[in-house]
């Protein structure tokens, strides 16, 4: 089991920046991918960015060039730096840890952190 605790959400004006943090604990040695998802009201949860255990990254087209996912292995923490934020980025952001064992996927989720972009 992996426990995830997010922080860093809040209210920011359009064009501003925020950095989200996700601290992992528990069976972190077996995590294959960590990612950030978001869910806006009335919409499905969508992948924003992900980073693999080898450091490879992947981004949604809507955030490429604006968001950066990174990790601090020593702190067991993944970050999402969000720049040039726009109202359409408003959502609850969730941290995810994915473990793949014997071809089965095990997902752990954080509690979510609200990000609101508004003037």
N, C-alpha and C. Protein backbone atom coordinates (compact mmCIF):
# COMPACT_ATOMS: atom_id res chain seq x y z
N UNK A 1 0.83 -1.19 0.00
CA UNK A 1 0.00 0.00 0.00
C UNK A 1 0.87 1.25 0.00
N UNK A 2 0.42 2.25 -0.71
CA UNK A 2 1.11 3.52 -0.78
C UNK A 2 0.17 4.60 -0.27
N UNK A 3 0.68 5.45 0.59
CA UNK A 3 -0.09 6.59 1.07
C UNK A 3 0.46 7.85 0.42
N UNK A 4 -0.46 8.71 -0.02
CA UNK A 4 -0.08 9.93 -0.71
C UNK A 4 -0.74 11.13 -0.04
N UNK A 5 0.05 12.17 0.18
CA UNK A 5 -0.47 13.40 0.78
C UNK A 5 -0.08 14.57 -0.11
N UNK A 6 -1.10 15.26 -0.62
CA UNK A 6 -0.85 16.39 -1.51
C UNK A 6 -0.90 17.70 -0.74
N UNK A 7 -0.24 18.68 -1.30
CA UNK A 7 -0.30 20.04 -0.75
C UNK A 7 0.03 21.02 -1.85
N UNK A 8 -0.29 22.29 -1.60
CA UNK A 8 0.13 23.35 -2.52
C UNK A 8 -0.97 23.96 -3.36
N UNK A 9 -2.18 23.46 -3.25
CA UNK A 9 -3.25 24.07 -4.03
C UNK A 9 -3.63 25.44 -3.48
N UNK A 10 -4.52 26.11 -4.21
CA UNK A 10 -4.98 27.41 -3.75
C UNK A 10 -5.62 28.21 -4.85
N UNK A 11 -5.79 29.48 -4.58
CA UNK A 11 -6.40 30.42 -5.52
C UNK A 11 -5.31 31.32 -6.10
N UNK A 12 -5.28 31.42 -7.41
CA UNK A 12 -4.27 32.26 -8.05
C UNK A 12 -4.91 32.94 -9.26
N UNK A 13 -4.39 34.09 -9.61
CA UNK A 13 -4.91 34.82 -10.76
C UNK A 13 -4.42 34.22 -12.06
N UNK A 14 -5.15 34.43 -13.14
CA UNK A 14 -4.67 33.95 -14.45
C UNK A 14 -3.27 34.47 -14.74
N UNK A 15 -2.45 33.57 -15.27
CA UNK A 15 -1.07 33.90 -15.55
C UNK A 15 -0.13 33.60 -14.40
N UNK A 16 -0.68 33.24 -13.26
CA UNK A 16 0.13 32.97 -12.09
C UNK A 16 0.68 31.56 -12.08
N UNK A 17 1.33 31.22 -10.97
CA UNK A 17 1.98 29.92 -10.82
C UNK A 17 1.64 29.30 -9.48
N UNK A 18 1.69 27.99 -9.45
CA UNK A 18 1.54 27.20 -8.22
C UNK A 18 2.44 25.98 -8.33
N UNK A 19 2.86 25.48 -7.19
CA UNK A 19 3.59 24.22 -7.17
C UNK A 19 2.89 23.26 -6.23
N UNK A 20 2.49 22.14 -6.76
CA UNK A 20 1.88 21.09 -5.97
C UNK A 20 2.94 20.09 -5.54
N UNK A 21 2.75 19.55 -4.34
CA UNK A 21 3.65 18.52 -3.82
C UNK A 21 2.85 17.29 -3.45
N UNK A 22 3.47 16.13 -3.62
CA UNK A 22 2.84 14.87 -3.25
C UNK A 22 3.89 14.01 -2.55
N UNK A 23 3.70 13.82 -1.26
CA UNK A 23 4.62 13.01 -0.46
C UNK A 23 4.09 11.59 -0.37
N UNK A 24 4.95 10.64 -0.71
CA UNK A 24 4.56 9.23 -0.70
C UNK A 24 5.19 8.51 0.48
N UNK A 25 4.45 7.56 1.01
CA UNK A 25 4.98 6.71 2.09
C UNK A 25 4.39 5.32 1.92
N UNK A 26 4.96 4.38 2.64
CA UNK A 26 4.49 3.00 2.52
C UNK A 26 5.37 2.22 1.57
N UNK A 27 4.74 1.43 0.71
CA UNK A 27 5.47 0.54 -0.20
C UNK A 27 5.94 1.29 -1.45
N UNK A 28 6.73 2.32 -1.24
CA UNK A 28 7.11 3.19 -2.35
C UNK A 28 8.13 2.55 -3.27
N UNK A 29 8.81 1.52 -2.81
CA UNK A 29 9.86 0.89 -3.62
C UNK A 29 9.29 0.23 -4.86
N UNK A 30 8.00 -0.07 -4.82
CA UNK A 30 7.40 -0.80 -5.94
C UNK A 30 6.58 0.09 -6.87
N UNK A 31 6.70 1.40 -6.71
CA UNK A 31 5.95 2.32 -7.57
C UNK A 31 6.60 2.38 -8.95
N UNK A 32 5.80 2.20 -9.98
CA UNK A 32 6.30 2.25 -11.35
C UNK A 32 6.14 3.64 -11.97
N UNK A 33 5.01 4.27 -11.67
CA UNK A 33 4.71 5.58 -12.24
C UNK A 33 4.02 6.43 -11.18
N UNK A 34 4.37 7.70 -11.13
CA UNK A 34 3.61 8.64 -10.32
C UNK A 34 3.09 9.74 -11.22
N UNK A 35 1.88 10.17 -10.95
CA UNK A 35 1.29 11.16 -11.83
C UNK A 35 0.36 12.10 -11.11
N UNK A 36 0.01 13.14 -11.82
CA UNK A 36 -0.98 14.11 -11.37
C UNK A 36 -2.17 14.04 -12.32
N UNK A 37 -3.34 13.94 -11.74
CA UNK A 37 -4.58 13.97 -12.48
C UNK A 37 -5.39 15.16 -11.99
N UNK A 38 -6.38 15.55 -12.77
CA UNK A 38 -7.26 16.61 -12.31
C UNK A 38 -8.69 16.30 -12.74
N UNK A 39 -9.60 16.84 -11.96
CA UNK A 39 -11.01 16.67 -12.27
C UNK A 39 -11.74 17.97 -12.02
N UNK A 40 -12.28 18.51 -13.10
CA UNK A 40 -13.07 19.74 -13.01
C UNK A 40 -14.54 19.35 -12.83
N UNK A 41 -15.35 20.25 -12.29
CA UNK A 41 -16.77 19.94 -12.08
C UNK A 41 -17.44 19.51 -13.37
N UNK A 42 -18.13 18.37 -13.30
CA UNK A 42 -18.86 17.88 -14.45
C UNK A 42 -18.01 17.20 -15.50
N UNK A 43 -16.72 17.05 -15.22
CA UNK A 43 -15.83 16.42 -16.20
C UNK A 43 -15.17 15.19 -15.61
N UNK A 44 -14.66 14.35 -16.51
CA UNK A 44 -13.94 13.16 -16.06
C UNK A 44 -12.55 13.52 -15.58
N UNK A 45 -12.05 12.66 -14.72
CA UNK A 45 -10.68 12.85 -14.26
C UNK A 45 -9.74 12.60 -15.44
N UNK A 46 -8.75 13.46 -15.58
CA UNK A 46 -7.81 13.34 -16.70
C UNK A 46 -6.37 13.40 -16.21
N UNK A 47 -5.51 12.72 -16.95
CA UNK A 47 -4.09 12.74 -16.65
C UNK A 47 -3.51 14.10 -17.04
N UNK A 48 -2.75 14.69 -16.14
CA UNK A 48 -2.07 15.95 -16.41
C UNK A 48 -0.61 15.70 -16.75
N UNK A 49 0.07 14.95 -15.89
CA UNK A 49 1.48 14.68 -16.10
C UNK A 49 1.86 13.43 -15.32
N UNK A 50 2.87 12.73 -15.80
CA UNK A 50 3.33 11.53 -15.12
C UNK A 50 4.83 11.41 -15.24
N UNK A 51 5.42 10.72 -14.27
CA UNK A 51 6.86 10.47 -14.29
C UNK A 51 7.09 9.02 -13.89
N UNK A 52 7.92 8.34 -14.66
CA UNK A 52 8.17 6.93 -14.39
C UNK A 52 9.32 6.76 -13.40
N UNK A 53 9.50 5.53 -12.96
CA UNK A 53 10.56 5.23 -12.01
C UNK A 53 11.94 5.49 -12.61
N UNK A 54 12.04 5.50 -13.94
CA UNK A 54 13.31 5.78 -14.60
C UNK A 54 13.46 7.25 -14.97
N UNK A 55 12.45 8.06 -14.64
CA UNK A 55 12.55 9.50 -14.87
C UNK A 55 11.89 10.01 -16.13
N UNK A 56 11.32 9.13 -16.92
CA UNK A 56 10.63 9.57 -18.11
C UNK A 56 9.36 10.32 -17.75
N UNK A 57 9.00 11.31 -18.56
CA UNK A 57 7.82 12.13 -18.27
C UNK A 57 6.84 12.15 -19.43
N UNK A 58 5.60 12.44 -19.10
CA UNK A 58 4.54 12.52 -20.09
C UNK A 58 3.57 13.60 -19.65
N UNK A 59 3.07 14.38 -20.62
CA UNK A 59 2.18 15.49 -20.30
C UNK A 59 0.95 15.48 -21.19
N UNK A 60 -0.14 15.97 -20.65
CA UNK A 60 -1.31 16.23 -21.48
C UNK A 60 -0.98 17.38 -22.42
N UNK A 61 -1.54 17.35 -23.61
CA UNK A 61 -1.25 18.40 -24.59
C UNK A 61 -1.61 19.78 -24.05
N UNK A 62 -2.65 19.84 -23.24
CA UNK A 62 -3.14 21.13 -22.76
C UNK A 62 -2.19 21.81 -21.78
N UNK A 63 -1.23 21.06 -21.24
CA UNK A 63 -0.33 21.65 -20.24
C UNK A 63 1.13 21.66 -20.69
N UNK A 64 1.40 21.09 -21.85
CA UNK A 64 2.79 21.06 -22.33
C UNK A 64 3.34 22.46 -22.45
N UNK A 65 4.55 22.64 -21.97
CA UNK A 65 5.20 23.94 -22.00
C UNK A 65 4.84 24.84 -20.84
N UNK A 66 3.83 24.45 -20.06
CA UNK A 66 3.42 25.26 -18.91
C UNK A 66 3.65 24.54 -17.59
N UNK A 67 3.44 23.24 -17.58
CA UNK A 67 3.58 22.43 -16.35
C UNK A 67 4.83 21.58 -16.44
N UNK A 68 5.43 21.35 -15.28
CA UNK A 68 6.60 20.47 -15.21
C UNK A 68 6.45 19.54 -14.01
N UNK A 69 6.58 18.25 -14.28
CA UNK A 69 6.56 17.27 -13.19
C UNK A 69 8.00 16.90 -12.86
N UNK A 70 8.28 16.77 -11.57
CA UNK A 70 9.62 16.40 -11.14
C UNK A 70 9.52 15.60 -9.84
N UNK A 71 10.64 15.10 -9.40
CA UNK A 71 10.62 14.30 -8.18
C UNK A 71 11.90 14.51 -7.39
N UNK A 72 11.77 14.32 -6.10
CA UNK A 72 12.91 14.31 -5.19
C UNK A 72 12.90 12.92 -4.56
N UNK A 73 13.78 12.06 -5.06
CA UNK A 73 13.78 10.67 -4.60
C UNK A 73 14.08 10.57 -3.11
N UNK A 74 14.99 11.41 -2.62
CA UNK A 74 15.38 11.36 -1.22
C UNK A 74 14.21 11.71 -0.31
N UNK A 75 13.31 12.56 -0.80
CA UNK A 75 12.16 12.98 0.00
C UNK A 75 10.89 12.21 -0.35
N UNK A 76 11.00 11.28 -1.30
CA UNK A 76 9.82 10.51 -1.74
C UNK A 76 8.68 11.44 -2.12
N UNK A 77 9.02 12.48 -2.84
CA UNK A 77 8.04 13.52 -3.17
C UNK A 77 8.06 13.82 -4.66
N UNK A 78 6.88 13.99 -5.21
CA UNK A 78 6.71 14.40 -6.59
C UNK A 78 6.09 15.78 -6.61
N UNK A 79 6.55 16.60 -7.55
CA UNK A 79 6.07 17.97 -7.65
C UNK A 79 5.42 18.21 -9.00
N UNK A 80 4.51 19.18 -9.01
CA UNK A 80 3.96 19.67 -10.26
C UNK A 80 4.06 21.18 -10.24
N UNK A 81 4.99 21.70 -11.02
CA UNK A 81 5.14 23.14 -11.16
C UNK A 81 4.20 23.59 -12.27
N UNK A 82 3.32 24.50 -11.94
CA UNK A 82 2.31 24.96 -12.89
C UNK A 82 2.50 26.46 -13.13
N UNK A 83 2.81 26.80 -14.36
CA UNK A 83 3.01 28.20 -14.74
C UNK A 83 1.96 28.61 -15.77
N UNK A 84 1.83 29.91 -15.93
CA UNK A 84 0.87 30.46 -16.91
C UNK A 84 -0.51 29.84 -16.74
N UNK A 85 -0.95 29.80 -15.52
CA UNK A 85 -2.23 29.15 -15.22
C UNK A 85 -3.39 29.93 -15.82
N UNK A 86 -4.38 29.16 -16.26
CA UNK A 86 -5.56 29.73 -16.90
C UNK A 86 -6.81 29.22 -16.19
N UNK A 87 -7.93 29.92 -16.34
CA UNK A 87 -9.16 29.47 -15.68
C UNK A 87 -9.53 28.02 -15.98
N UNK A 88 -9.20 27.55 -17.17
CA UNK A 88 -9.53 26.16 -17.51
C UNK A 88 -8.67 25.14 -16.77
N UNK A 89 -7.67 25.60 -16.05
CA UNK A 89 -6.86 24.71 -15.21
C UNK A 89 -7.52 24.48 -13.85
N UNK A 90 -8.59 25.20 -13.59
CA UNK A 90 -9.29 25.04 -12.32
C UNK A 90 -9.84 23.63 -12.18
N UNK A 91 -9.48 22.97 -11.09
CA UNK A 91 -9.89 21.58 -10.86
C UNK A 91 -9.37 21.13 -9.51
N UNK A 92 -9.83 19.96 -9.10
CA UNK A 92 -9.19 19.27 -7.99
C UNK A 92 -8.08 18.41 -8.58
N UNK A 93 -6.90 18.57 -8.06
CA UNK A 93 -5.73 17.84 -8.55
C UNK A 93 -5.42 16.69 -7.60
N UNK A 94 -5.24 15.52 -8.19
CA UNK A 94 -5.00 14.30 -7.42
C UNK A 94 -3.64 13.71 -7.78
N UNK A 95 -2.94 13.29 -6.77
CA UNK A 95 -1.70 12.56 -6.98
C UNK A 95 -2.01 11.07 -7.08
N UNK A 96 -1.30 10.41 -7.96
CA UNK A 96 -1.50 8.98 -8.18
C UNK A 96 -0.17 8.24 -8.15
N UNK A 97 -0.20 7.07 -7.54
CA UNK A 97 0.96 6.16 -7.59
C UNK A 97 0.49 4.84 -8.19
N UNK A 98 1.15 4.41 -9.23
CA UNK A 98 0.75 3.19 -9.92
C UNK A 98 1.83 2.12 -9.75
N UNK A 99 1.37 0.97 -9.33
CA UNK A 99 2.24 -0.20 -9.19
C UNK A 99 1.73 -1.27 -10.15
N UNK A 100 2.65 -1.89 -10.85
CA UNK A 100 2.30 -2.95 -11.78
C UNK A 100 2.99 -4.23 -11.32
N UNK A 101 2.17 -5.20 -10.93
CA UNK A 101 2.70 -6.46 -10.44
C UNK A 101 1.97 -7.60 -11.11
N UNK A 102 2.73 -8.48 -11.70
CA UNK A 102 2.16 -9.66 -12.37
C UNK A 102 1.05 -9.25 -13.33
N UNK A 103 1.33 -8.20 -14.09
CA UNK A 103 0.42 -7.69 -15.12
C UNK A 103 -0.85 -7.05 -14.56
N UNK A 104 -0.90 -6.84 -13.27
CA UNK A 104 -2.06 -6.16 -12.67
C UNK A 104 -1.64 -4.77 -12.23
N UNK A 105 -2.58 -3.84 -12.37
CA UNK A 105 -2.32 -2.45 -12.02
C UNK A 105 -2.97 -2.14 -10.67
N UNK A 106 -2.18 -1.53 -9.80
CA UNK A 106 -2.66 -1.11 -8.50
C UNK A 106 -2.45 0.40 -8.40
N UNK A 107 -3.54 1.13 -8.23
CA UNK A 107 -3.49 2.59 -8.13
C UNK A 107 -3.78 3.05 -6.71
N UNK A 108 -2.96 3.99 -6.25
CA UNK A 108 -3.20 4.67 -4.98
C UNK A 108 -3.43 6.14 -5.28
N UNK A 109 -4.32 6.77 -4.52
CA UNK A 109 -4.69 8.16 -4.76
C UNK A 109 -4.54 9.00 -3.50
N UNK A 110 -4.17 10.25 -3.72
CA UNK A 110 -4.20 11.19 -2.64
C UNK A 110 -5.61 11.74 -2.45
N UNK A 111 -5.76 12.61 -1.48
CA UNK A 111 -7.08 13.14 -1.14
C UNK A 111 -7.52 14.26 -2.07
N UNK A 112 -6.61 14.78 -2.84
CA UNK A 112 -6.92 15.87 -3.76
C UNK A 112 -6.66 17.24 -3.16
N UNK A 113 -6.28 18.16 -4.02
CA UNK A 113 -6.07 19.54 -3.60
C UNK A 113 -6.70 20.46 -4.64
N UNK A 114 -7.43 21.45 -4.16
CA UNK A 114 -8.18 22.34 -5.05
C UNK A 114 -7.25 23.40 -5.62
N UNK A 115 -7.33 23.56 -6.93
CA UNK A 115 -6.64 24.65 -7.63
C UNK A 115 -7.70 25.49 -8.33
N UNK A 116 -7.72 26.77 -8.00
CA UNK A 116 -8.71 27.67 -8.59
C UNK A 116 -7.99 28.85 -9.23
N UNK A 117 -8.27 29.06 -10.50
CA UNK A 117 -7.68 30.16 -11.24
C UNK A 117 -8.78 31.17 -11.53
N UNK A 118 -8.66 32.33 -10.92
CA UNK A 118 -9.71 33.33 -11.08
C UNK A 118 -9.15 34.71 -10.75
N UNK A 119 -9.67 35.69 -11.44
CA UNK A 119 -9.29 37.06 -11.14
C UNK A 119 -10.27 37.69 -10.15
